[in-house]
Structure formats: structure tokens, C-alpha cells
Amino acid sequence: MRAVITVIGKDMVGILAKVSTICAEKNANVIEVTQSVLQDMFAMIMLVDITKLSCSFPELVDALKELGEKLHLSIHVMHEDIFNTMHRI
């Protein structure tokens, strides 16, 4: 099982590190990351393996949402099944 994490907001030092830290704390293994900085805007898509999560999926979502609120970033986590279903329609 995998999940897609997207992060968008004003660029600042440590965004990737902070998101990755939460993933590591919850035992979500980062598989792939792509990020861009467009002028002062940060955009990242991260694919994580959630097979061995040490918490429930909603707890991971809540932890990342809380980080987003704290840093004034838009952070969304979507289970791969939902992501795939959306793109089949």
C-alpha cells in the first residue's frame, strides 16, 4: 500500500526534512520525491509506502495536516487506491 503526499506553499528551509521526519516517525517509507521551487513557491510530491505504518492512516493524515497548518502549507495525503480510482474516471 502506498500514499501520495503533496505539499504546496511559500518556500522555506526544512520543508522536506519536516515532512520526512513525520513519515519516519510513523514508519512510512519514502519511495520517491519530486520537488520544485518556482520563484518563492515550493511544490513537492512524495510517494510513501504505508504497508508498515506504526499508526492508523488517518493518524498519519492528521499529523501531516497539523504540520501544514503550523507552517502555513497545504499538505494533502491521499491513499494510492483513491488516487488511482480518481484517475480512472
PDB file of N, CA and C in Angstrom:
ATOM      1  N   MET A   1       0.846  -1.180   0.000  1.00  0.00           N
ATOM      2  CA  MET A   1       0.000   0.000   0.000  1.00  0.00           C
ATOM      3  C   MET A   1       0.884   1.233   0.000  1.00  0.00           C
ATOM      4  N   ARG A   2       0.453   2.206  -0.768  1.00  0.00           N
ATOM      5  CA  ARG A   2       1.215   3.445  -0.854  1.00  0.00           C
ATOM      6  C   ARG A   2       0.278   4.639  -0.718  1.00  0.00           C
ATOM      7  N   ALA A   3       0.880   5.792  -0.461  1.00  0.00           N
ATOM      8  CA  ALA A   3       0.131   7.041  -0.378  1.00  0.00           C
ATOM      9  C   ALA A   3       0.920   8.125  -1.103  1.00  0.00           C
ATOM     10  N   VAL A   4       0.178   9.113  -1.598  1.00  0.00           N
ATOM     11  CA  VAL A   4       0.777  10.265  -2.258  1.00  0.00           C
ATOM     12  C   VAL A   4       0.600  11.466  -1.336  1.00  0.00           C
ATOM     13  N   ILE A   5       1.704  12.143  -1.050  1.00  0.00           N
ATOM     14  CA  ILE A   5       1.681  13.345  -0.218  1.00  0.00           C
ATOM     15  C   ILE A   5       2.049  14.524  -1.104  1.00  0.00           C
ATOM     16  N   THR A   6       1.217  15.559  -1.096  1.00  0.00           N
ATOM     17  CA  THR A   6       1.541  16.779  -1.841  1.00  0.00           C
ATOM     18  C   THR A   6       1.707  17.924  -0.858  1.00  0.00           C
ATOM     19  N   VAL A   7       2.676  18.777  -1.155  1.00  0.00           N
ATOM     20  CA  VAL A   7       2.959  19.938  -0.305  1.00  0.00           C
ATOM     21  C   VAL A   7       3.112  21.151  -1.211  1.00  0.00           C
ATOM     22  N   ILE A   8       2.379  22.208  -0.910  1.00  0.00           N
ATOM     23  CA  ILE A   8       2.462  23.446  -1.682  1.00  0.00           C
ATOM     24  C   ILE A   8       2.442  24.617  -0.711  1.00  0.00           C
ATOM     25  N   GLY A   9       3.301  25.590  -0.969  1.00  0.00           N
ATOM     26  CA  GLY A   9       3.303  26.788  -0.138  1.00  0.00           C
ATOM     27  C   GLY A   9       4.534  27.625  -0.358  1.00  0.00           C
ATOM     28  N   LYS A  10       4.673  28.647   0.450  1.00  0.00           N
ATOM     29  CA  LYS A  10       5.819  29.537   0.363  1.00  0.00           C
ATOM     30  C   LYS A  10       7.081  28.761   0.762  1.00  0.00           C
ATOM     31  N   ASP A  11       8.123  28.897  -0.036  1.00  0.00           N
ATOM     32  CA  ASP A  11       9.364  28.173   0.217  1.00  0.00           C
ATOM     33  C   ASP A  11      10.019  28.631   1.519  1.00  0.00           C
ATOM     34  N   MET A  12      10.559  27.663   2.241  1.00  0.00           N
ATOM     35  CA  MET A  12      11.320  27.941   3.461  1.00  0.00           C
ATOM     36  C   MET A  12      12.253  26.766   3.705  1.00  0.00           C
ATOM     37  N   VAL A  13      13.236  26.978   4.520  1.00  0.00           N
ATOM     38  CA  VAL A  13      14.204  25.932   4.830  1.00  0.00           C
ATOM     39  C   VAL A  13      13.535  24.816   5.634  1.00  0.00           C
ATOM     40  N   GLY A  14      13.797  23.568   5.251  1.00  0.00           N
ATOM     41  CA  GLY A  14      13.421  22.426   6.068  1.00  0.00           C
ATOM     42  C   GLY A  14      12.087  21.764   5.785  1.00  0.00           C
ATOM     43  N   ILE A  15      11.381  22.168   4.735  1.00  0.00           N
ATOM     44  CA  ILE A  15      10.075  21.564   4.475  1.00  0.00           C
ATOM     45  C   ILE A  15      10.218  20.061   4.237  1.00  0.00           C
ATOM     46  N   LEU A  16      11.085  19.679   3.340  1.00  0.00           N
ATOM     47  CA  LEU A  16      11.282  18.260   3.035  1.00  0.00           C
ATOM     48  C   LEU A  16      11.695  17.493   4.291  1.00  0.00           C
ATOM     49  N   ALA A  17      12.586  18.069   5.069  1.00  0.00           N
ATOM     50  CA  ALA A  17      13.056  17.409   6.294  1.00  0.00           C
ATOM     51  C   ALA A  17      11.918  17.209   7.291  1.00  0.00           C
ATOM     52  N   LYS A  18      11.063  18.204   7.449  1.00  0.00           N
ATOM     53  CA  LYS A  18       9.973  18.104   8.429  1.00  0.00           C
ATOM     54  C   LYS A  18       8.917  17.084   7.997  1.00  0.00           C
ATOM     55  N   VAL A  19       8.585  17.072   6.724  1.00  0.00           N
ATOM     56  CA  VAL A  19       7.621  16.093   6.224  1.00  0.00           C
ATOM     57  C   VAL A  19       8.216  14.685   6.333  1.00  0.00           C
ATOM     58  N   SER A  20       9.474  14.542   5.945  1.00  0.00           N
ATOM     59  CA  SER A  20      10.150  13.244   6.016  1.00  0.00           C
ATOM     60  C   SER A  20      10.262  12.743   7.452  1.00  0.00           C
ATOM     61  N   THR A  21      10.477  13.644   8.392  1.00  0.00           N
ATOM     62  CA  THR A  21      10.573  13.267   9.808  1.00  0.00           C
ATOM     63  C   THR A  21       9.269  12.665  10.302  1.00  0.00           C
ATOM     64  N   ILE A  22       8.153  13.280   9.950  1.00  0.00           N
ATOM     65  CA  ILE A  22       6.864  12.729  10.364  1.00  0.00           C
ATOM     66  C   ILE A  22       6.661  11.354   9.730  1.00  0.00           C
ATOM     67  N   CYS A  23       7.011  11.233   8.452  1.00  0.00           N
ATOM     68  CA  CYS A  23       6.898   9.923   7.796  1.00  0.00           C
ATOM     69  C   CYS A  23       7.737   8.881   8.531  1.00  0.00           C
ATOM     70  N   ALA A  24       8.958   9.228   8.887  1.00  0.00           N
ATOM     71  CA  ALA A  24       9.841   8.290   9.590  1.00  0.00           C
ATOM     72  C   ALA A  24       9.275   7.929  10.961  1.00  0.00           C
ATOM     73  N   GLU A  25       8.750   8.907  11.674  1.00  0.00           N
ATOM     74  CA  GLU A  25       8.175   8.655  12.995  1.00  0.00           C
ATOM     75  C   GLU A  25       6.985   7.698  12.922  1.00  0.00           C
ATOM     76  N   LYS A  26       6.248   7.739  11.820  1.00  0.00           N
ATOM     77  CA  LYS A  26       5.062   6.896  11.639  1.00  0.00           C
ATOM     78  C   LYS A  26       5.377   5.634  10.838  1.00  0.00           C
ATOM     79  N   ASN A  27       6.647   5.443  10.521  1.00  0.00           N
ATOM     80  CA  ASN A  27       7.125   4.272   9.775  1.00  0.00           C
ATOM     81  C   ASN A  27       6.567   4.206   8.348  1.00  0.00           C
ATOM     82  N   ALA A  28       6.384   5.365   7.732  1.00  0.00           N
ATOM     83  CA  ALA A  28       6.008   5.457   6.315  1.00  0.00           C
ATOM     84  C   ALA A  28       7.309   5.637   5.534  1.00  0.00           C
ATOM     85  N   ASN A  29       7.626   4.680   4.693  1.00  0.00           N
ATOM     86  CA  ASN A  29       8.891   4.696   3.973  1.00  0.00           C
ATOM     87  C   ASN A  29       8.788   5.544   2.710  1.00  0.00           C
ATOM     88  N   VAL A  30       9.638   6.555   2.595  1.00  0.00           N
ATOM     89  CA  VAL A  30       9.641   7.420   1.418  1.00  0.00           C
ATOM     90  C   VAL A  30      10.248   6.649   0.253  1.00  0.00           C
ATOM     91  N   ILE A  31       9.474   6.514  -0.813  1.00  0.00           N
ATOM     92  CA  ILE A  31       9.913   5.787  -2.004  1.00  0.00           C
ATOM     93  C   ILE A  31      10.492   6.739  -3.041  1.00  0.00           C
ATOM     94  N   GLU A  32       9.778   7.836  -3.265  1.00  0.00           N
ATOM     95  CA  GLU A  32      10.200   8.770  -4.305  1.00  0.00           C
ATOM     96  C   GLU A  32       9.726  10.176  -3.953  1.00  0.00           C
ATOM     97  N   VAL A  33      10.540  11.171  -4.323  1.00  0.00           N
ATOM     98  CA  VAL A  33      10.202  12.567  -4.066  1.00  0.00           C
ATOM     99  C   VAL A  33      10.550  13.391  -5.303  1.00  0.00           C
ATOM    100  N   THR A  34       9.658  14.289  -5.647  1.00  0.00           N
ATOM    101  CA  THR A  34       9.978  15.292  -6.649  1.00  0.00           C
ATOM    102  C   THR A  34       9.562  16.638  -6.067  1.00  0.00           C
ATOM    103  N   GLN A  35      10.406  17.626  -6.243  1.00  0.00           N
ATOM    104  CA  GLN A  35      10.083  18.948  -5.707  1.00  0.00           C
ATOM    105  C   GLN A  35      10.599  20.022  -6.643  1.00  0.00           C
ATOM    106  N   SER A  36       9.937  21.160  -6.587  1.00  0.00           N
ATOM    107  CA  SER A  36      10.343  22.317  -7.383  1.00  0.00           C
ATOM    108  C   SER A  36      10.133  23.571  -6.560  1.00  0.00           C
ATOM    109  N   VAL A  37      10.951  24.547  -6.830  1.00  0.00           N
ATOM    110  CA  VAL A  37      10.750  25.872  -6.260  1.00  0.00           C
ATOM    111  C   VAL A  37      10.552  26.807  -7.451  1.00  0.00           C
ATOM    112  N   LEU A  38       9.367  27.399  -7.523  1.00  0.00           N
ATOM    113  CA  LEU A  38       9.023  28.319  -8.590  1.00  0.00           C
ATOM    114  C   LEU A  38       8.963  29.713  -7.982  1.00  0.00           C
ATOM    115  N   GLN A  39      10.009  30.506  -8.257  1.00  0.00           N
ATOM    116  CA  GLN A  39      10.207  31.790  -7.598  1.00  0.00           C
ATOM    117  C   GLN A  39      10.229  31.546  -6.098  1.00  0.00           C
ATOM    118  N   ASP A  40       9.199  31.934  -5.350  1.00  0.00           N
ATOM    119  CA  ASP A  40       9.226  31.697  -3.898  1.00  0.00           C
ATOM    120  C   ASP A  40       8.202  30.645  -3.463  1.00  0.00           C
ATOM    121  N   MET A  41       7.675  29.890  -4.430  1.00  0.00           N
ATOM    122  CA  MET A  41       6.680  28.859  -4.123  1.00  0.00           C
ATOM    123  C   MET A  41       7.305  27.466  -4.175  1.00  0.00           C
ATOM    124  N   PHE A  42       7.018  26.665  -3.149  1.00  0.00           N
ATOM    125  CA  PHE A  42       7.534  25.312  -3.029  1.00  0.00           C
ATOM    126  C   PHE A  42       6.424  24.342  -3.418  1.00  0.00           C
ATOM    127  N   ALA A  43       6.765  23.339  -4.227  1.00  0.00           N
ATOM    128  CA  ALA A  43       5.811  22.298  -4.603  1.00  0.00           C
ATOM    129  C   ALA A  43       6.521  20.950  -4.521  1.00  0.00           C
ATOM    130  N   MET A  44       5.889  19.977  -3.862  1.00  0.00           N
ATOM    131  CA  MET A  44       6.502  18.660  -3.711  1.00  0.00           C
ATOM    132  C   MET A  44       5.433  17.579  -3.813  1.00  0.00           C
ATOM    133  N   ILE A  45       5.818  16.484  -4.455  1.00  0.00           N
ATOM    134  CA  ILE A  45       5.005  15.269  -4.467  1.00  0.00           C
ATOM    135  C   ILE A  45       5.885  14.157  -3.927  1.00  0.00           C
ATOM    136  N   MET A  46       5.365  13.432  -2.961  1.00  0.00           N
ATOM    137  CA  MET A  46       6.122  12.363  -2.304  1.00  0.00           C
ATOM    138  C   MET A  46       5.285  11.085  -2.356  1.00  0.00           C
ATOM    139  N   LEU A  47       5.904   9.992  -2.749  1.00  0.00           N
ATOM    140  CA  LEU A  47       5.266   8.683  -2.736  1.00  0.00           C
ATOM    141  C   LEU A  47       5.843   7.903  -1.565  1.00  0.00           C
ATOM    142  N   VAL A  48       4.961   7.415  -0.686  1.00  0.00           N
ATOM    143  CA  VAL A  48       5.422   6.694   0.501  1.00  0.00           C
ATOM    144  C   VAL A  48       4.753   5.325   0.590  1.00  0.00           C
ATOM    145  N   ASP A  49       5.511   4.361   1.091  1.00  0.00           N
ATOM    146  CA  ASP A  49       4.998   3.022   1.354  1.00  0.00           C
ATOM    147  C   ASP A  49       4.403   3.039   2.754  1.00  0.00           C
ATOM    148  N   ILE A  50       3.118   2.722   2.859  1.00  0.00           N
ATOM    149  CA  ILE A  50       2.442   2.765   4.164  1.00  0.00           C
ATOM    150  C   ILE A  50       2.105   1.365   4.674  1.00  0.00           C
ATOM    151  N   THR A  51       2.725   0.361   4.086  1.00  0.00           N
ATOM    152  CA  THR A  51       2.459  -1.025   4.468  1.00  0.00           C
ATOM    153  C   THR A  51       2.753  -1.282   5.940  1.00  0.00           C
ATOM    154  N   LYS A  52       3.800  -0.675   6.462  1.00  0.00           N
ATOM    155  CA  LYS A  52       4.231  -0.954   7.840  1.00  0.00           C
ATOM    156  C   LYS A  52       4.024   0.239   8.773  1.00  0.00           C
ATOM    157  N   LEU A  53       2.988   1.029   8.525  1.00  0.00           N
ATOM    158  CA  LEU A  53       2.712   2.181   9.384  1.00  0.00           C
ATOM    159  C   LEU A  53       2.618   1.752  10.844  1.00  0.00           C
ATOM    160  N   SER A  54       3.161   2.580  11.710  1.00  0.00           N
ATOM    161  CA  SER A  54       3.084   2.314  13.154  1.00  0.00           C
ATOM    162  C   SER A  54       1.856   2.982  13.780  1.00  0.00           C
ATOM    163  N   CYS A  55       0.999   3.547  12.941  1.00  0.00           N
ATOM    164  CA  CYS A  55      -0.227   4.205  13.382  1.00  0.00           C
ATOM    165  C   CYS A  55      -1.288   3.932  12.320  1.00  0.00           C
ATOM    166  N   SER A  56      -2.471   4.442  12.530  1.00  0.00           N
ATOM    167  CA  SER A  56      -3.504   4.301  11.503  1.00  0.00           C
ATOM    168  C   SER A  56      -3.249   5.325  10.394  1.00  0.00           C
ATOM    169  N   PHE A  57      -3.795   5.061   9.221  1.00  0.00           N
ATOM    170  CA  PHE A  57      -3.650   6.000   8.112  1.00  0.00           C
ATOM    171  C   PHE A  57      -4.218   7.375   8.471  1.00  0.00           C
ATOM    172  N   PRO A  58      -5.410   7.460   9.092  1.00  0.00           N
ATOM    173  CA  PRO A  58      -5.927   8.778   9.488  1.00  0.00           C
ATOM    174  C   PRO A  58      -4.990   9.529  10.455  1.00  0.00           C
ATOM    175  N   GLU A  59      -4.257   8.810  11.304  1.00  0.00           N
ATOM    176  CA  GLU A  59      -3.314   9.477  12.209  1.00  0.00           C
ATOM    177  C   GLU A  59      -2.155  10.093  11.423  1.00  0.00           C
ATOM    178  N   LEU A  60      -1.685   9.413  10.394  1.00  0.00           N
ATOM    179  CA  LEU A  60      -0.647   9.979   9.529  1.00  0.00           C
ATOM    180  C   LEU A  60      -1.172  11.232   8.844  1.00  0.00           C
ATOM    181  N   VAL A  61      -2.381  11.139   8.305  1.00  0.00           N
ATOM    182  CA  VAL A  61      -3.005  12.289   7.641  1.00  0.00           C
ATOM    183  C   VAL A  61      -3.104  13.470   8.601  1.00  0.00           C
ATOM    184  N   ASP A  62      -3.570  13.219   9.816  1.00  0.00           N
ATOM    185  CA  ASP A  62      -3.727  14.286  10.803  1.00  0.00           C
ATOM    186  C   ASP A  62      -2.393  14.917  11.191  1.00  0.00           C
ATOM    187  N   ALA A  63      -1.356  14.094  11.355  1.00  0.00           N
ATOM    188  CA  ALA A  63      -0.032  14.627  11.730  1.00  0.00           C
ATOM    189  C   ALA A  63       0.508  15.540  10.638  1.00  0.00           C
ATOM    190  N   LEU A  64       0.341  15.141   9.388  1.00  0.00           N
ATOM    191  CA  LEU A  64       0.838  15.974   8.293  1.00  0.00           C
ATOM    192  C   LEU A  64      -0.024  17.221   8.096  1.00  0.00           C
ATOM    193  N   LYS A  65      -1.325  17.087   8.311  1.00  0.00           N
ATOM    194  CA  LYS A  65      -2.209  18.250   8.222  1.00  0.00           C
ATOM    195  C   LYS A  65      -1.841  19.272   9.297  1.00  0.00           C
ATOM    196  N   GLU A  66      -1.570  18.782  10.491  1.00  0.00           N
ATOM    197  CA  GLU A  66      -1.163  19.662  11.600  1.00  0.00           C
ATOM    198  C   GLU A  66       0.142  20.387  11.263  1.00  0.00           C
ATOM    199  N   LEU A  67       1.099  19.671  10.677  1.00  0.00           N
ATOM    200  CA  LEU A  67       2.345  20.307  10.256  1.00  0.00           C
ATOM    201  C   LEU A  67       2.070  21.391   9.227  1.00  0.00           C
ATOM    202  N   GLY A  68       1.193  21.090   8.270  1.00  0.00           N
ATOM    203  CA  GLY A  68       0.844  22.072   7.248  1.00  0.00           C
ATOM    204  C   GLY A  68       0.258  23.337   7.848  1.00  0.00           C
ATOM    205  N   GLU A  69      -0.622  23.171   8.810  1.00  0.00           N
ATOM    206  CA  GLU A  69      -1.227  24.335   9.466  1.00  0.00           C
ATOM    207  C   GLU A  69      -0.169  25.145  10.207  1.00  0.00           C
ATOM    208  N   LYS A  70       0.728  24.455  10.878  1.00  0.00           N
ATOM    209  CA  LYS A  70       1.786  25.117  11.640  1.00  0.00           C
ATOM    210  C   LYS A  70       2.715  25.932  10.726  1.00  0.00           C
ATOM    211  N   LEU A  71       3.029  25.375   9.550  1.00  0.00           N
ATOM    212  CA  LEU A  71       3.976  26.023   8.625  1.00  0.00           C
ATOM    213  C   LEU A  71       3.283  26.845   7.534  1.00  0.00           C
ATOM    214  N   HIS A  72       1.955  26.926   7.585  1.00  0.00           N
ATOM    215  CA  HIS A  72       1.170  27.645   6.565  1.00  0.00           C
ATOM    216  C   HIS A  72       1.395  27.054   5.174  1.00  0.00           C
ATOM    217  N   LEU A  73       1.343  25.723   5.115  1.00  0.00           N
ATOM    218  CA  LEU A  73       1.493  24.991   3.863  1.00  0.00           C
ATOM    219  C   LEU A  73       0.233  24.176   3.622  1.00  0.00           C
ATOM    220  N   SER A  74      -0.039  23.892   2.365  1.00  0.00           N
ATOM    221  CA  SER A  74      -1.109  22.976   2.016  1.00  0.00           C
ATOM    222  C   SER A  74      -0.495  21.584   1.891  1.00  0.00           C
ATOM    223  N   ILE A  75      -0.813  20.692   2.828  1.00  0.00           N
ATOM    224  CA  ILE A  75      -0.301  19.321   2.791  1.00  0.00           C
ATOM    225  C   ILE A  75      -1.499  18.380   2.702  1.00  0.00           C
ATOM    226  N   HIS A  76      -1.524  17.575   1.645  1.00  0.00           N
ATOM    227  CA  HIS A  76      -2.601  16.608   1.436  1.00  0.00           C
ATOM    228  C   HIS A  76      -2.001  15.221   1.323  1.00  0.00           C
ATOM    229  N   VAL A  77      -2.672  14.253   1.925  1.00  0.00           N
ATOM    230  CA  VAL A  77      -2.248  12.858   1.859  1.00  0.00           C
ATOM    231  C   VAL A  77      -3.406  12.065   1.254  1.00  0.00           C
ATOM    232  N   MET A  78      -3.102  11.309   0.212  1.00  0.00           N
ATOM    233  CA  MET A  78      -4.130  10.531  -0.457  1.00  0.00           C
ATOM    234  C   MET A  78      -3.667   9.084  -0.600  1.00  0.00           C
ATOM    235  N   HIS A  79      -4.495   8.168  -0.163  1.00  0.00           N
ATOM    236  CA  HIS A  79      -4.195   6.746  -0.318  1.00  0.00           C
ATOM    237  C   HIS A  79      -4.113   6.437  -1.810  1.00  0.00           C
ATOM    238  N   GLU A  80      -3.184   5.607  -2.196  1.00  0.00           N
ATOM    239  CA  GLU A  80      -2.971   5.275  -3.604  1.00  0.00           C
ATOM    240  C   GLU A  80      -4.242   4.748  -4.270  1.00  0.00           C
ATOM    241  N   ASP A  81      -5.045   3.977  -3.556  1.00  0.00           N
ATOM    242  CA  ASP A  81      -6.280   3.436  -4.140  1.00  0.00           C
ATOM    243  C   ASP A  81      -7.222   4.551  -4.577  1.00  0.00           C
ATOM    244  N   ILE A  82      -7.366   5.572  -3.759  1.00  0.00           N
ATOM    245  CA  ILE A  82      -8.227   6.703  -4.097  1.00  0.00           C
ATOM    246  C   ILE A  82      -7.633   7.474  -5.271  1.00  0.00           C
ATOM    247  N   PHE A  83      -6.331   7.683  -5.229  1.00  0.00           N
ATOM    248  CA  PHE A  83      -5.644   8.401  -6.303  1.00  0.00           C
ATOM    249  C   PHE A  83      -5.847   7.671  -7.629  1.00  0.00           C
ATOM    250  N   ASN A  84      -5.667   6.370  -7.641  1.00  0.00           N
ATOM    251  CA  ASN A  84      -5.838   5.578  -8.864  1.00  0.00           C
ATOM    252  C   ASN A  84      -7.282   5.586  -9.346  1.00  0.00           C
ATOM    253  N   THR A  85      -8.227   5.484  -8.436  1.00  0.00           N
ATOM    254  CA  THR A  85      -9.643   5.495  -8.804  1.00  0.00           C
ATOM    255  C   THR A  85     -10.040   6.820  -9.416  1.00  0.00           C
ATOM    256  N   MET A  86      -9.553   7.911  -8.856  1.00  0.00           N
ATOM    257  CA  MET A  86      -9.878   9.237  -9.397  1.00  0.00           C
ATOM    258  C   MET A  86      -9.407   9.383 -10.839  1.00  0.00           C
ATOM    259  N   HIS A  87      -8.289   8.787 -11.156  1.00  0.00           N
ATOM    260  CA  HIS A  87      -7.718   8.956 -12.489  1.00  0.00           C
ATOM    261  C   HIS A  87      -8.249   7.939 -13.501  1.00  0.00           C
ATOM    262  N   ARG A  88      -9.086   7.020 -13.069  1.00  0.00           N
ATOM    263  CA  ARG A  88      -9.746   6.087 -13.979  1.00  0.00           C
ATOM    264  C   ARG A  88     -11.082   6.626 -14.457  1.00  0.00           C
ATOM    265  N   ILE A  89     -11.632   7.544 -13.691  1.00  0.00           N
ATOM    266  CA  ILE A  89     -12.970   8.074 -14.014  1.00  0.00           C
ATOM    267  C   ILE A  89     -12.905   9.033 -15.177  1.00  0.00           C
TER     268      ILE A  89
END
